[in-house]
């Protein structure tokens, strides 16, 4: 086999001494657009529906420090809830861009 690496031999291990490698994390599936939910998320004029605004407000108030802003830990918690990881998805990139633009770790 190519790329046998240091140590040679077949010890049957996965690289960690005395154990197997951890399985990869289970991530949520990619976001799907469900046409049947569009009416619940948008008002006739295309703006966010009151139900969506209410759900987003509740999420923000739950994770934020006193309802004012999201610090790094709260933002990471939100990203884990929606993406399974704070390091993936357009939301993660948008949060990083907002932090850079504002020169602050707080999002409001």
PDB file of N, CA and C in Angstrom:
ATOM      1  N   UNK A   1       0.831  -1.190   0.000  1.00  0.00           N
ATOM      2  CA  UNK A   1       0.000   0.000   0.000  1.00  0.00           C
ATOM      3  C   UNK A   1       0.861   1.234   0.000  1.00  0.00           C
ATOM      4  N   UNK A   2       0.378   2.278  -0.626  1.00  0.00           N
ATOM      5  CA  UNK A   2       1.102   3.545  -0.617  1.00  0.00           C
ATOM      6  C   UNK A   2       0.789   4.287   0.666  1.00  0.00           C
ATOM      7  N   UNK A   3       1.709   5.173   1.054  1.00  0.00           N
ATOM      8  CA  UNK A   3       1.464   6.055   2.200  1.00  0.00           C
ATOM      9  C   UNK A   3       1.347   5.325   3.510  1.00  0.00           C
ATOM     10  N   UNK A   4       2.174   4.286   3.729  1.00  0.00           N
ATOM     11  CA  UNK A   4       2.100   3.511   4.963  1.00  0.00           C
ATOM     12  C   UNK A   4       2.399   4.321   6.196  1.00  0.00           C
ATOM     13  N   UNK A   5       3.179   5.368   6.090  1.00  0.00           N
ATOM     14  CA  UNK A   5       3.462   6.234   7.224  1.00  0.00           C
ATOM     15  C   UNK A   5       4.483   5.648   8.156  1.00  0.00           C
ATOM     16  N   UNK A   6       4.797   6.395   9.187  1.00  0.00           N
ATOM     17  CA  UNK A   6       5.810   5.983  10.149  1.00  0.00           C
ATOM     18  C   UNK A   6       5.333   4.800  10.962  1.00  0.00           C
ATOM     19  N   UNK A   7       6.240   3.988  11.365  1.00  0.00           N
ATOM     20  CA  UNK A   7       5.908   2.884  12.246  1.00  0.00           C
ATOM     21  C   UNK A   7       5.642   1.595  11.516  1.00  0.00           C
ATOM     22  N   UNK A   8       5.127   1.686  10.291  1.00  0.00           N
ATOM     23  CA  UNK A   8       4.865   0.482   9.501  1.00  0.00           C
ATOM     24  C   UNK A   8       4.017  -0.512  10.258  1.00  0.00           C
ATOM     25  N   UNK A   9       3.890  -1.689   9.710  1.00  0.00           N
ATOM     26  CA  UNK A   9       3.157  -2.752  10.388  1.00  0.00           C
ATOM     27  C   UNK A   9       1.669  -2.493  10.432  1.00  0.00           C
ATOM     28  N   UNK A  10       0.923  -3.546  10.724  1.00  0.00           N
ATOM     29  CA  UNK A  10      -0.518  -3.433  10.798  1.00  0.00           C
ATOM     30  C   UNK A  10      -0.933  -3.705  12.223  1.00  0.00           C
ATOM     31  N   UNK A  11      -1.189  -2.627  12.965  1.00  0.00           N
ATOM     32  CA  UNK A  11      -1.593  -2.813  14.351  1.00  0.00           C
ATOM     33  C   UNK A  11      -3.108  -2.814  14.505  1.00  0.00           C
ATOM     34  N   UNK A  12      -3.823  -2.569  13.395  1.00  0.00           N
ATOM     35  CA  UNK A  12      -5.273  -2.590  13.437  1.00  0.00           C
ATOM     36  C   UNK A  12      -5.885  -1.369  14.069  1.00  0.00           C
ATOM     37  N   UNK A  13      -5.059  -0.445  14.527  1.00  0.00           N
ATOM     38  CA  UNK A  13      -5.591   0.747  15.188  1.00  0.00           C
ATOM     39  C   UNK A  13      -5.954   1.826  14.198  1.00  0.00           C
ATOM     40  N   UNK A  14      -6.668   2.814  14.666  1.00  0.00           N
ATOM     41  CA  UNK A  14      -7.091   3.922  13.825  1.00  0.00           C
ATOM     42  C   UNK A  14      -6.232   5.144  14.011  1.00  0.00           C
ATOM     43  N   UNK A  15      -5.046   4.991  14.559  1.00  0.00           N
ATOM     44  CA  UNK A  15      -4.178   6.140  14.753  1.00  0.00           C
ATOM     45  C   UNK A  15      -4.101   6.578  16.197  1.00  0.00           C
ATOM     46  N   UNK A  16      -5.155   6.364  16.983  1.00  0.00           N
ATOM     47  CA  UNK A  16      -5.127   6.708  18.398  1.00  0.00           C
ATOM     48  C   UNK A  16      -4.694   5.487  19.168  1.00  0.00           C
ATOM     49  N   UNK A  17      -3.828   5.692  20.140  1.00  0.00           N
ATOM     50  CA  UNK A  17      -3.359   4.572  20.920  1.00  0.00           C
ATOM     51  C   UNK A  17      -4.481   4.052  21.803  1.00  0.00           C
ATOM     52  N   UNK A  18      -4.768   2.757  21.701  1.00  0.00           N
ATOM     53  CA  UNK A  18      -5.739   2.141  22.584  1.00  0.00           C
ATOM     54  C   UNK A  18      -7.194   2.426  22.260  1.00  0.00           C
ATOM     55  N   UNK A  19      -7.520   2.948  21.088  1.00  0.00           N
ATOM     56  CA  UNK A  19      -8.920   3.206  20.788  1.00  0.00           C
ATOM     57  C   UNK A  19      -9.155   3.484  19.326  1.00  0.00           C
ATOM     58  N   UNK A  20     -10.399   3.530  18.989  1.00  0.00           N
ATOM     59  CA  UNK A  20     -10.770   3.814  17.613  1.00  0.00           C
ATOM     60  C   UNK A  20     -10.973   5.311  17.426  1.00  0.00           C
ATOM     61  N   UNK A  21     -10.852   5.743  16.173  1.00  0.00           N
ATOM     62  CA  UNK A  21     -11.090   7.150  15.868  1.00  0.00           C
ATOM     63  C   UNK A  21     -12.560   7.471  16.116  1.00  0.00           C
ATOM     64  N   UNK A  22     -12.817   8.673  16.583  1.00  0.00           N
ATOM     65  CA  UNK A  22     -14.195   9.109  16.830  1.00  0.00           C
ATOM     66  C   UNK A  22     -14.938   9.216  15.498  1.00  0.00           C
ATOM     67  N   UNK A  23     -16.212   8.846  15.497  1.00  0.00           N
ATOM     68  CA  UNK A  23     -16.989   8.984  14.257  1.00  0.00           C
ATOM     69  C   UNK A  23     -17.189  10.461  13.935  1.00  0.00           C
ATOM     70  N   UNK A  24     -17.381  10.780  12.661  1.00  0.00           N
ATOM     71  CA  UNK A  24     -17.603  12.181  12.306  1.00  0.00           C
ATOM     72  C   UNK A  24     -18.911  12.667  12.907  1.00  0.00           C
ATOM     73  N   UNK A  25     -19.027  13.969  13.188  1.00  0.00           N
ATOM     74  CA  UNK A  25     -20.265  14.489  13.776  1.00  0.00           C
ATOM     75  C   UNK A  25     -21.421  14.360  12.783  1.00  0.00           C
ATOM     76  N   UNK A  26     -22.599  14.169  13.326  1.00  0.00           N
ATOM     77  CA  UNK A  26     -23.794  14.100  12.497  1.00  0.00           C
ATOM     78  C   UNK A  26     -24.304  15.525  12.330  1.00  0.00           C
ATOM     79  N   UNK A  27     -24.366  15.978  11.096  1.00  0.00           N
ATOM     80  CA  UNK A  27     -24.809  17.330  10.804  1.00  0.00           C
ATOM     81  C   UNK A  27     -26.220  17.313  10.241  1.00  0.00           C
ATOM     82  N   UNK A  28     -26.970  18.399  10.453  1.00  0.00           N
ATOM     83  CA  UNK A  28     -28.311  18.440   9.866  1.00  0.00           C
ATOM     84  C   UNK A  28     -28.206  18.497   8.348  1.00  0.00           C
ATOM     85  N   UNK A  29     -29.245  18.053   7.664  1.00  0.00           N
ATOM     86  CA  UNK A  29     -29.198  18.117   6.199  1.00  0.00           C
ATOM     87  C   UNK A  29     -29.190  19.569   5.740  1.00  0.00           C
ATOM     88  N   UNK A  30     -28.769  19.817   4.512  1.00  0.00           N
ATOM     89  CA  UNK A  30     -28.804  21.186   3.992  1.00  0.00           C
ATOM     90  C   UNK A  30     -30.222  21.747   4.063  1.00  0.00           C
ATOM     91  N   UNK A  31     -30.313  23.047   4.177  1.00  0.00           N
ATOM     92  CA  UNK A  31     -31.608  23.706   4.243  1.00  0.00           C
ATOM     93  C   UNK A  31     -32.399  23.430   2.969  1.00  0.00           C
ATOM     94  N   UNK A  32     -33.652  23.134   3.152  1.00  0.00           N
ATOM     95  CA  UNK A  32     -34.528  22.922   2.008  1.00  0.00           C
ATOM     96  C   UNK A  32     -35.580  24.029   1.991  1.00  0.00           C
ATOM     97  N   UNK A  33     -35.929  24.485   0.823  1.00  0.00           N
ATOM     98  CA  UNK A  33     -37.008  25.449   0.695  1.00  0.00           C
ATOM     99  C   UNK A  33     -38.298  24.674   0.561  1.00  0.00           C
ATOM    100  N   UNK A  34     -39.210  24.889   1.450  1.00  0.00           N
ATOM    101  CA  UNK A  34     -40.496  24.205   1.405  1.00  0.00           C
ATOM    102  C   UNK A  34     -41.561  25.230   1.033  1.00  0.00           C
ATOM    103  N   UNK A  35     -42.053  25.117  -0.192  1.00  0.00           N
ATOM    104  CA  UNK A  35     -43.047  26.076  -0.682  1.00  0.00           C
ATOM    105  C   UNK A  35     -44.259  26.152   0.235  1.00  0.00           C
ATOM    106  N   UNK A  36     -44.606  25.040   0.873  1.00  0.00           N
ATOM    107  CA  UNK A  36     -45.778  25.041   1.751  1.00  0.00           C
ATOM    108  C   UNK A  36     -45.571  25.907   2.991  1.00  0.00           C
ATOM    109  N   UNK A  37     -44.320  26.198   3.344  1.00  0.00           N
ATOM    110  CA  UNK A  37     -44.048  27.031   4.521  1.00  0.00           C
ATOM    111  C   UNK A  37     -43.888  28.502   4.166  1.00  0.00           C
ATOM    112  N   UNK A  38     -43.807  28.810   2.894  1.00  0.00           N
ATOM    113  CA  UNK A  38     -43.567  30.183   2.465  1.00  0.00           C
ATOM    114  C   UNK A  38     -44.608  31.143   3.023  1.00  0.00           C
ATOM    115  N   UNK A  39     -45.866  30.743   2.991  1.00  0.00           N
ATOM    116  CA  UNK A  39     -46.932  31.619   3.482  1.00  0.00           C
ATOM    117  C   UNK A  39     -46.786  31.888   4.978  1.00  0.00           C
ATOM    118  N   UNK A  40     -46.246  30.923   5.722  1.00  0.00           N
ATOM    119  CA  UNK A  40     -46.054  31.118   7.156  1.00  0.00           C
ATOM    120  C   UNK A  40     -44.871  32.030   7.450  1.00  0.00           C
ATOM    121  N   UNK A  41     -43.962  32.142   6.491  1.00  0.00           N
ATOM    122  CA  UNK A  41     -42.752  32.932   6.716  1.00  0.00           C
ATOM    123  C   UNK A  41     -42.817  34.324   6.093  1.00  0.00           C
ATOM    124  N   UNK A  42     -43.704  34.511   5.121  1.00  0.00           N
ATOM    125  CA  UNK A  42     -43.771  35.800   4.427  1.00  0.00           C
ATOM    126  C   UNK A  42     -45.170  36.377   4.454  1.00  0.00           C
ATOM    127  N   UNK A  43     -45.221  37.675   4.583  1.00  0.00           N
ATOM    128  CA  UNK A  43     -46.474  38.396   4.440  1.00  0.00           C
ATOM    129  C   UNK A  43     -46.720  38.590   2.943  1.00  0.00           C
ATOM    130  N   UNK A  44     -47.955  38.937   2.565  1.00  0.00           N
ATOM    131  CA  UNK A  44     -48.250  39.138   1.141  1.00  0.00           C
ATOM    132  C   UNK A  44     -47.330  40.147   0.446  1.00  0.00           C
ATOM    133  N   UNK A  45     -46.820  41.123   1.198  1.00  0.00           N
ATOM    134  CA  UNK A  45     -45.937  42.129   0.580  1.00  0.00           C
ATOM    135  C   UNK A  45     -44.488  41.651   0.470  1.00  0.00           C
ATOM    136  N   UNK A  46     -44.215  40.408   0.915  1.00  0.00           N
ATOM    137  CA  UNK A  46     -42.871  39.855   0.817  1.00  0.00           C
ATOM    138  C   UNK A  46     -42.029  40.031   2.067  1.00  0.00           C
ATOM    139  N   UNK A  47     -42.501  40.814   3.005  1.00  0.00           N
ATOM    140  CA  UNK A  47     -41.758  41.000   4.255  1.00  0.00           C
ATOM    141  C   UNK A  47     -41.940  39.769   5.147  1.00  0.00           C
ATOM    142  N   UNK A  48     -41.157  39.706   6.220  1.00  0.00           N
ATOM    143  CA  UNK A  48     -41.281  38.578   7.146  1.00  0.00           C
ATOM    144  C   UNK A  48     -42.652  38.624   7.820  1.00  0.00           C
ATOM    145  N   UNK A  49     -43.240  37.452   7.979  1.00  0.00           N
ATOM    146  CA  UNK A  49     -44.556  37.366   8.628  1.00  0.00           C
ATOM    147  C   UNK A  49     -44.417  37.649  10.122  1.00  0.00           C
ATOM    148  N   UNK A  50     -45.505  38.075  10.764  1.00  0.00           N
ATOM    149  CA  UNK A  50     -45.462  38.273  12.217  1.00  0.00           C
ATOM    150  C   UNK A  50     -45.049  36.997  12.962  1.00  0.00           C
ATOM    151  N   UNK A  51     -45.479  35.826  12.484  1.00  0.00           N
ATOM    152  CA  UNK A  51     -45.099  34.562  13.146  1.00  0.00           C
ATOM    153  C   UNK A  51     -43.595  34.329  13.055  1.00  0.00           C
ATOM    154  N   UNK A  52     -42.991  34.625  11.905  1.00  0.00           N
ATOM    155  CA  UNK A  52     -41.545  34.456  11.754  1.00  0.00           C
ATOM    156  C   UNK A  52     -40.798  35.465  12.617  1.00  0.00           C
ATOM    157  N   UNK A  53     -41.245  36.704  12.620  1.00  0.00           N
ATOM    158  CA  UNK A  53     -40.604  37.722  13.463  1.00  0.00           C
ATOM    159  C   UNK A  53     -40.679  37.307  14.926  1.00  0.00           C
ATOM    160  N   UNK A  54     -41.819  36.789  15.350  1.00  0.00           N
ATOM    161  CA  UNK A  54     -41.988  36.341  16.732  1.00  0.00           C
ATOM    162  C   UNK A  54     -41.034  35.199  17.068  1.00  0.00           C
ATOM    163  N   UNK A  55     -40.909  34.216  16.160  1.00  0.00           N
ATOM    164  CA  UNK A  55     -40.015  33.081  16.400  1.00  0.00           C
ATOM    165  C   UNK A  55     -38.562  33.530  16.452  1.00  0.00           C
ATOM    166  N   UNK A  56     -38.170  34.430  15.551  1.00  0.00           N
ATOM    167  CA  UNK A  56     -36.794  34.933  15.553  1.00  0.00           C
ATOM    168  C   UNK A  56     -36.511  35.758  16.803  1.00  0.00           C
ATOM    169  N   UNK A  57     -37.476  36.558  17.225  1.00  0.00           N
ATOM    170  CA  UNK A  57     -37.320  37.366  18.435  1.00  0.00           C
ATOM    171  C   UNK A  57     -37.157  36.470  19.657  1.00  0.00           C
ATOM    172  N   UNK A  58     -37.971  35.418  19.739  1.00  0.00           N
ATOM    173  CA  UNK A  58     -37.869  34.486  20.859  1.00  0.00           C
ATOM    174  C   UNK A  58     -36.504  33.807  20.888  1.00  0.00           C
ATOM    175  N   UNK A  59     -36.024  33.378  19.724  1.00  0.00           N
ATOM    176  CA  UNK A  59     -34.707  32.742  19.643  1.00  0.00           C
ATOM    177  C   UNK A  59     -33.624  33.715  20.100  1.00  0.00           C
ATOM    178  N   UNK A  60     -33.666  34.949  19.595  1.00  0.00           N
ATOM    179  CA  UNK A  60     -32.662  35.949  19.954  1.00  0.00           C
ATOM    180  C   UNK A  60     -32.693  36.229  21.456  1.00  0.00           C
ATOM    181  N   UNK A  61     -33.888  36.417  22.014  1.00  0.00           N
ATOM    182  CA  UNK A  61     -33.997  36.724  23.441  1.00  0.00           C
ATOM    183  C   UNK A  61     -33.524  35.550  24.304  1.00  0.00           C
ATOM    184  N   UNK A  62     -33.736  34.330  23.837  1.00  0.00           N
ATOM    185  CA  UNK A  62     -33.303  33.152  24.581  1.00  0.00           C
ATOM    186  C   UNK A  62     -31.779  33.061  24.633  1.00  0.00           C
ATOM    187  N   UNK A  63     -31.125  33.372  23.527  1.00  0.00           N
ATOM    188  CA  UNK A  63     -29.675  33.203  23.437  1.00  0.00           C
ATOM    189  C   UNK A  63     -28.876  34.440  23.839  1.00  0.00           C
ATOM    190  N   UNK A  64     -29.496  35.605  23.767  1.00  0.00           N
ATOM    191  CA  UNK A  64     -28.746  36.844  23.978  1.00  0.00           C
ATOM    192  C   UNK A  64     -28.600  37.191  25.448  1.00  0.00           C
ATOM    193  N   UNK A  65     -27.680  38.107  25.689  1.00  0.00           N
ATOM    194  CA  UNK A  65     -27.458  38.623  27.035  1.00  0.00           C
ATOM    195  C   UNK A  65     -28.471  39.741  27.280  1.00  0.00           C
ATOM    196  N   UNK A  66     -29.581  39.412  27.909  1.00  0.00           N
ATOM    197  CA  UNK A  66     -30.585  40.407  28.222  1.00  0.00           C
ATOM    198  C   UNK A  66     -31.331  40.940  27.013  1.00  0.00           C
ATOM    199  N   UNK A  67     -31.319  40.217  25.917  1.00  0.00           N
ATOM    200  CA  UNK A  67     -32.045  40.648  24.731  1.00  0.00           C
ATOM    201  C   UNK A  67     -31.365  41.746  23.951  1.00  0.00           C
ATOM    202  N   UNK A  68     -30.111  42.078  24.311  1.00  0.00           N
ATOM    203  CA  UNK A  68     -29.432  43.195  23.666  1.00  0.00           C
ATOM    204  C   UNK A  68     -28.528  42.773  22.514  1.00  0.00           C
ATOM    205  N   UNK A  69     -27.779  41.699  22.701  1.00  0.00           N
ATOM    206  CA  UNK A  69     -26.825  41.287  21.675  1.00  0.00           C
ATOM    207  C   UNK A  69     -26.410  39.836  21.886  1.00  0.00           C
ATOM    208  N   UNK A  70     -25.813  39.274  20.846  1.00  0.00           N
ATOM    209  CA  UNK A  70     -25.257  37.923  20.930  1.00  0.00           C
ATOM    210  C   UNK A  70     -23.741  38.038  21.007  1.00  0.00           C
ATOM    211  N   UNK A  71     -23.144  37.470  22.063  1.00  0.00           N
ATOM    212  CA  UNK A  71     -21.688  37.418  22.118  1.00  0.00           C
ATOM    213  C   UNK A  71     -21.228  36.189  21.325  1.00  0.00           C
ATOM    214  N   UNK A  72     -19.935  35.944  21.295  1.00  0.00           N
ATOM    215  CA  UNK A  72     -19.407  34.823  20.498  1.00  0.00           C
ATOM    216  C   UNK A  72     -20.012  33.481  20.916  1.00  0.00           C
ATOM    217  N   UNK A  73     -20.119  33.241  22.219  1.00  0.00           N
ATOM    218  CA  UNK A  73     -20.655  31.967  22.700  1.00  0.00           C
ATOM    219  C   UNK A  73     -22.116  31.804  22.296  1.00  0.00           C
ATOM    220  N   UNK A  74     -22.904  32.869  22.397  1.00  0.00           N
ATOM    221  CA  UNK A  74     -24.312  32.796  22.011  1.00  0.00           C
ATOM    222  C   UNK A  74     -24.464  32.624  20.504  1.00  0.00           C
ATOM    223  N   UNK A  75     -23.611  33.297  19.741  1.00  0.00           N
ATOM    224  CA  UNK A  75     -23.654  33.147  18.285  1.00  0.00           C
ATOM    225  C   UNK A  75     -23.295  31.719  17.899  1.00  0.00           C
ATOM    226  N   UNK A  76     -22.275  31.150  18.544  1.00  0.00           N
ATOM    227  CA  UNK A  76     -21.898  29.764  18.270  1.00  0.00           C
ATOM    228  C   UNK A  76     -23.034  28.802  18.622  1.00  0.00           C
ATOM    229  N   UNK A  77     -23.735  29.064  19.734  1.00  0.00           N
ATOM    230  CA  UNK A  77     -24.864  28.214  20.129  1.00  0.00           C
ATOM    231  C   UNK A  77     -25.961  28.273  19.069  1.00  0.00           C
ATOM    232  N   UNK A  78     -26.242  29.466  18.579  1.00  0.00           N
ATOM    233  CA  UNK A  78     -27.253  29.635  17.526  1.00  0.00           C
ATOM    234  C   UNK A  78     -26.837  28.894  16.259  1.00  0.00           C
ATOM    235  N   UNK A  79     -25.573  29.050  15.869  1.00  0.00           N
ATOM    236  CA  UNK A  79     -25.093  28.385  14.664  1.00  0.00           C
ATOM    237  C   UNK A  79     -25.126  26.871  14.804  1.00  0.00           C
ATOM    238  N   UNK A  80     -24.853  26.358  16.008  1.00  0.00           N
ATOM    239  CA  UNK A  80     -24.954  24.908  16.238  1.00  0.00           C
ATOM    240  C   UNK A  80     -26.399  24.443  16.100  1.00  0.00           C
ATOM    241  N   UNK A  81     -27.340  25.260  16.582  1.00  0.00           N
ATOM    242  CA  UNK A  81     -28.753  24.905  16.505  1.00  0.00           C
ATOM    243  C   UNK A  81     -29.214  24.809  15.058  1.00  0.00           C
ATOM    244  N   UNK A  82     -28.772  25.725  14.225  1.00  0.00           N
ATOM    245  CA  UNK A  82     -29.303  25.766  12.860  1.00  0.00           C
ATOM    246  C   UNK A  82     -28.435  25.040  11.840  1.00  0.00           C
ATOM    247  N   UNK A  83     -27.138  24.898  12.104  1.00  0.00           N
ATOM    248  CA  UNK A  83     -26.223  24.294  11.129  1.00  0.00           C
ATOM    249  C   UNK A  83     -25.476  23.081  11.650  1.00  0.00           C
ATOM    250  N   UNK A  84     -25.574  22.804  12.937  1.00  0.00           N
ATOM    251  CA  UNK A  84     -24.846  21.680  13.501  1.00  0.00           C
ATOM    252  C   UNK A  84     -23.403  22.003  13.833  1.00  0.00           C
ATOM    253  N   UNK A  85     -22.936  23.178  13.444  1.00  0.00           N
ATOM    254  CA  UNK A  85     -21.559  23.597  13.666  1.00  0.00           C
ATOM    255  C   UNK A  85     -21.478  25.111  13.532  1.00  0.00           C
ATOM    256  N   UNK A  86     -20.637  25.747  14.330  1.00  0.00           N
ATOM    257  CA  UNK A  86     -20.487  27.199  14.185  1.00  0.00           C
ATOM    258  C   UNK A  86     -19.616  27.587  12.998  1.00  0.00           C
ATOM    259  N   UNK A  87     -19.041  26.603  12.321  1.00  0.00           N
ATOM    260  CA  UNK A  87     -18.078  26.887  11.256  1.00  0.00           C
ATOM    261  C   UNK A  87     -18.597  26.585   9.858  1.00  0.00           C
ATOM    262  N   UNK A  88     -19.908  26.437   9.687  1.00  0.00           N
ATOM    263  CA  UNK A  88     -20.417  26.133   8.355  1.00  0.00           C
ATOM    264  C   UNK A  88     -21.686  26.933   8.083  1.00  0.00           C
ATOM    265  N   UNK A  89     -21.954  27.138   6.822  1.00  0.00           N
ATOM    266  CA  UNK A  89     -23.197  27.790   6.415  1.00  0.00           C
ATOM    267  C   UNK A  89     -23.049  29.273   6.158  1.00  0.00           C
ATOM    268  N   UNK A  90     -23.997  29.785   5.402  1.00  0.00           N
ATOM    269  CA  UNK A  90     -23.976  31.212   5.070  1.00  0.00           C
ATOM    270  C   UNK A  90     -24.176  32.069   6.312  1.00  0.00           C
ATOM    271  N   UNK A  91     -24.894  31.547   7.309  1.00  0.00           N
ATOM    272  CA  UNK A  91     -25.105  32.299   8.543  1.00  0.00           C
ATOM    273  C   UNK A  91     -23.793  32.523   9.278  1.00  0.00           C
ATOM    274  N   UNK A  92     -22.919  31.507   9.279  1.00  0.00           N
ATOM    275  CA  UNK A  92     -21.612  31.632   9.918  1.00  0.00           C
ATOM    276  C   UNK A  92     -20.775  32.689   9.212  1.00  0.00           C
ATOM    277  N   UNK A  93     -20.798  32.649   7.882  1.00  0.00           N
ATOM    278  CA  UNK A  93     -20.044  33.653   7.117  1.00  0.00           C
ATOM    279  C   UNK A  93     -20.619  35.048   7.329  1.00  0.00           C
ATOM    280  N   UNK A  94     -21.940  35.162   7.409  1.00  0.00           N
ATOM    281  CA  UNK A  94     -22.566  36.475   7.630  1.00  0.00           C
ATOM    282  C   UNK A  94     -22.228  37.007   9.022  1.00  0.00           C
ATOM    283  N   UNK A  95     -22.237  36.133  10.025  1.00  0.00           N
ATOM    284  CA  UNK A  95     -21.892  36.565  11.382  1.00  0.00           C
ATOM    285  C   UNK A  95     -20.444  37.057  11.433  1.00  0.00           C
ATOM    286  N   UNK A  96     -19.539  36.328  10.787  1.00  0.00           N
ATOM    287  CA  UNK A  96     -18.132  36.740  10.758  1.00  0.00           C
ATOM    288  C   UNK A  96     -17.974  38.072  10.038  1.00  0.00           C
ATOM    289  N   UNK A  97     -18.712  38.270   8.957  1.00  0.00           N
ATOM    290  CA  UNK A  97     -18.634  39.532   8.213  1.00  0.00           C
ATOM    291  C   UNK A  97     -19.164  40.692   9.058  1.00  0.00           C
ATOM    292  N   UNK A  98     -20.245  40.469   9.784  1.00  0.00           N
ATOM    293  CA  UNK A  98     -20.791  41.523  10.654  1.00  0.00           C
ATOM    294  C   UNK A  98     -19.799  41.885  11.756  1.00  0.00           C
ATOM    295  N   UNK A  99     -19.189  40.872  12.356  1.00  0.00           N
ATOM    296  CA  UNK A  99     -18.187  41.141  13.395  1.00  0.00           C
ATOM    297  C   UNK A  99     -17.043  41.970  12.838  1.00  0.00           C
ATOM    298  N   UNK A 100     -16.556  41.589  11.661  1.00  0.00           N
ATOM    299  CA  UNK A 100     -15.437  42.311  11.047  1.00  0.00           C
ATOM    300  C   UNK A 100     -15.843  43.748  10.699  1.00  0.00           C
ATOM    301  N   UNK A 101     -17.022  43.913  10.128  1.00  0.00           N
ATOM    302  CA  UNK A 101     -17.486  45.241   9.725  1.00  0.00           C
ATOM    303  C   UNK A 101     -17.689  46.164  10.923  1.00  0.00           C
ATOM    304  N   UNK A 102     -18.223  45.587  12.017  1.00  0.00           N
ATOM    305  CA  UNK A 102     -18.520  46.405  13.208  1.00  0.00           C
ATOM    306  C   UNK A 102     -17.325  46.527  14.151  1.00  0.00           C
ATOM    307  N   UNK A 103     -16.282  45.716  13.940  1.00  0.00           N
ATOM    308  CA  UNK A 103     -15.148  45.733  14.837  1.00  0.00           C
ATOM    309  C   UNK A 103     -15.490  45.289  16.245  1.00  0.00           C
ATOM    310  N   UNK A 104     -16.481  44.393  16.348  1.00  0.00           N
ATOM    311  CA  UNK A 104     -16.939  43.934  17.651  1.00  0.00           C
ATOM    312  C   UNK A 104     -17.367  42.479  17.547  1.00  0.00           C
ATOM    313  N   UNK A 105     -17.251  41.744  18.655  1.00  0.00           N
ATOM    314  CA  UNK A 105     -17.713  40.367  18.692  1.00  0.00           C
ATOM    315  C   UNK A 105     -19.206  40.270  18.984  1.00  0.00           C
ATOM    316  N   UNK A 106     -19.845  41.396  19.302  1.00  0.00           N
ATOM    317  CA  UNK A 106     -21.268  41.390  19.641  1.00  0.00           C
ATOM    318  C   UNK A 106     -22.112  41.595  18.391  1.00  0.00           C
ATOM    319  N   UNK A 107     -23.168  40.796  18.278  1.00  0.00           N
ATOM    320  CA  UNK A 107     -24.134  40.951  17.188  1.00  0.00           C
ATOM    321  C   UNK A 107     -25.458  41.391  17.797  1.00  0.00           C
ATOM    322  N   UNK A 108     -26.094  42.353  17.161  1.00  0.00           N
ATOM    323  CA  UNK A 108     -27.396  42.822  17.682  1.00  0.00           C
ATOM    324  C   UNK A 108     -28.401  42.940  16.567  1.00  0.00           C
TER     325      UNK A 108
END
